[in-house]
Amino acid sequence: MNNAMWTRLTIRMLARYTQMHKVLGSLPTPVLLASPHDELTPSEMIESAARARDTLSGMLMHREARAALKTGVTDWLTGTVLMATGTRDEEDARWAYPAAMLAFDRAGEELDQAVILLHRNEE
């Protein structure tokens, strides 16, 4: 994977992680994700996101909102794994790069949808 591709993926991954941190932290019962402002390794980010996903499973909230949150976190995890896959060689990067970008975009859309559902259910 060339440097430009890596940079775009890293920016997208960090943007979605920051979005997850904000959304999960603003829940009525906050789900704490390691701060994106700390110097985290990718492994620490993955572990934190996986724990958050597990925590969401047991939370009482609107079913569709919980599903959107869990899907958003899962899509972020998927994008992160695909990002690592694409660094192995250029042949893998040809398919892993667009797949990772799609997963990060889907994560953002699911998190946005969860916010809408949560606000709708507050009314």
Protein backbone atom coordinates (compact mmCIF):
# COMPACT_ATOMS: atom_id res chain seq x y z
CA MET A 1 0.00 0.00 0.00
CA ASN A 2 1.50 3.33 -0.98
CA ASN A 3 1.91 6.25 1.43
CA ALA A 4 -1.05 8.24 0.08
CA MET A 5 -3.40 5.29 0.51
CA TRP A 6 -2.09 4.61 4.00
CA THR A 7 -2.52 8.25 4.99
CA ARG A 8 -6.12 8.38 3.71
CA LEU A 9 -6.97 5.18 5.56
CA THR A 10 -5.35 6.36 8.77
CA ILE A 11 -7.25 9.66 8.66
CA ARG A 12 -10.54 7.84 8.01
CA MET A 13 -9.88 5.28 10.76
CA LEU A 14 -9.05 7.95 13.33
CA ALA A 15 -12.04 10.10 12.32
CA ARG A 16 -14.42 7.17 12.82
CA TYR A 17 -12.77 6.20 16.10
CA THR A 18 -13.23 9.77 17.33
CA GLN A 19 -16.87 9.66 16.21
CA MET A 20 -17.38 6.37 18.10
CA HIS A 21 -15.78 7.87 21.20
CA LYS A 22 -18.13 10.86 21.07
CA VAL A 23 -21.32 8.88 20.36
CA LEU A 24 -20.67 6.10 22.88
CA GLY A 25 -19.58 8.57 25.55
CA SER A 26 -22.79 10.58 25.14
CA LEU A 27 -25.16 7.67 25.77
CA PRO A 28 -27.43 7.93 28.85
CA THR A 29 -25.16 5.28 30.35
CA PRO A 30 -21.83 6.16 28.73
CA VAL A 31 -19.80 3.41 27.11
CA LEU A 32 -16.21 4.42 27.64
CA LEU A 33 -13.80 4.04 24.78
CA ALA A 34 -10.11 4.81 25.20
CA SER A 35 -9.60 8.47 24.32
CA PRO A 36 -8.49 9.19 20.76
CA HIS A 37 -6.37 12.00 22.24
CA ASP A 38 -4.15 9.49 24.05
CA GLU A 39 -1.26 7.91 22.22
CA LEU A 40 -2.93 4.57 21.54
CA THR A 41 -1.53 1.69 19.58
CA PRO A 42 -3.83 0.14 16.98
CA SER A 43 -4.10 -2.92 19.24
CA GLU A 44 -5.29 -0.77 22.15
CA MET A 45 -7.88 0.90 19.93
CA ILE A 46 -9.11 -2.47 18.69
CA GLU A 47 -9.33 -3.88 22.24
CA SER A 48 -11.22 -0.80 23.45
CA ALA A 49 -13.68 -0.95 20.54
CA ALA A 50 -14.24 -4.70 21.03
CA ARG A 51 -14.96 -4.15 24.75
CA ALA A 52 -17.37 -1.35 23.89
CA ARG A 53 -19.17 -3.62 21.42
CA ASP A 54 -19.51 -6.31 24.10
CA THR A 55 -20.81 -3.73 26.59
CA LEU A 56 -23.47 -2.57 24.13
CA SER A 57 -24.88 -6.10 23.94
CA GLY A 58 -26.09 -5.96 27.54
CA MET A 59 -27.38 -2.39 27.58
CA LEU A 60 -31.03 -1.49 27.82
CA MET A 61 -31.89 0.81 24.93
CA HIS A 62 -33.96 0.92 21.80
CA ARG A 63 -33.23 -2.27 19.86
CA GLU A 64 -32.57 -0.55 16.52
CA ALA A 65 -30.28 2.04 18.09
CA ARG A 66 -28.25 -0.68 19.82
CA ALA A 67 -28.03 -2.59 16.52
CA ALA A 68 -26.81 0.53 14.70
CA LEU A 69 -24.19 1.19 17.40
CA LYS A 70 -22.94 -2.40 17.37
CA THR A 71 -22.84 -2.42 13.56
CA GLY A 72 -20.90 0.85 13.53
CA VAL A 73 -18.33 -0.52 15.96
CA THR A 74 -18.13 -3.81 14.04
CA ASP A 75 -17.63 -1.97 10.75
CA TRP A 76 -14.84 0.09 12.33
CA LEU A 77 -13.18 -3.11 13.55
CA THR A 78 -13.57 -4.62 10.07
CA GLY A 79 -11.98 -1.58 8.43
CA THR A 80 -9.07 -1.71 10.84
CA VAL A 81 -8.41 -5.39 10.12
CA LEU A 82 -8.65 -4.77 6.37
CA MET A 83 -6.24 -1.88 6.75
CA ALA A 84 -3.68 -4.22 8.30
CA THR A 85 -4.32 -6.80 5.57
CA GLY A 86 -3.59 -4.22 2.88
CA THR A 87 -0.14 -3.52 4.26
CA ARG A 88 1.11 -7.03 3.53
CA ASP A 89 1.65 -6.51 -0.19
CA GLU A 90 0.40 -4.50 -3.15
CA GLU A 91 -1.81 -7.31 -4.41
CA ASP A 92 -3.74 -7.34 -1.13
CA ALA A 93 -3.88 -3.54 -1.11
CA ARG A 94 -5.81 -3.51 -4.40
CA TRP A 95 -8.86 -5.05 -2.74
CA ALA A 96 -8.26 -4.27 0.95
CA TYR A 97 -7.98 -0.50 0.50
CA PRO A 98 -11.44 0.08 -1.03
CA ALA A 99 -12.98 -2.49 1.32
CA ALA A 100 -11.50 -0.74 4.38
CA MET A 101 -12.66 2.68 3.15
CA LEU A 102 -16.15 1.27 2.65
CA ALA A 103 -16.16 -0.27 6.14
CA PHE A 104 -15.11 3.05 7.72
CA ASP A 105 -17.79 4.91 5.73
CA ARG A 106 -20.42 2.39 6.80
CA ALA A 107 -19.29 2.75 10.42
CA GLY A 108 -19.89 6.50 10.23
CA GLU A 109 -23.31 6.05 8.66
CA GLU A 110 -24.38 3.53 11.30
CA LEU A 111 -23.19 5.77 14.13
CA ASP A 112 -25.08 8.72 12.61
CA GLN A 113 -28.19 6.54 12.32
CA ALA A 114 -27.86 5.46 15.95
CA VAL A 115 -27.78 9.09 17.08
CA ILE A 116 -30.96 9.80 15.10
CA LEU A 117 -32.70 6.75 16.58
CA LEU A 118 -31.62 7.62 20.11
CA HIS A 119 -32.89 11.19 19.80
CA ARG A 120 -36.15 10.03 18.23
CA ASN A 121 -36.77 7.68 21.16
CA GLU A 122 -36.12 10.45 23.71
CA GLU A 123 -39.10 12.39 22.37
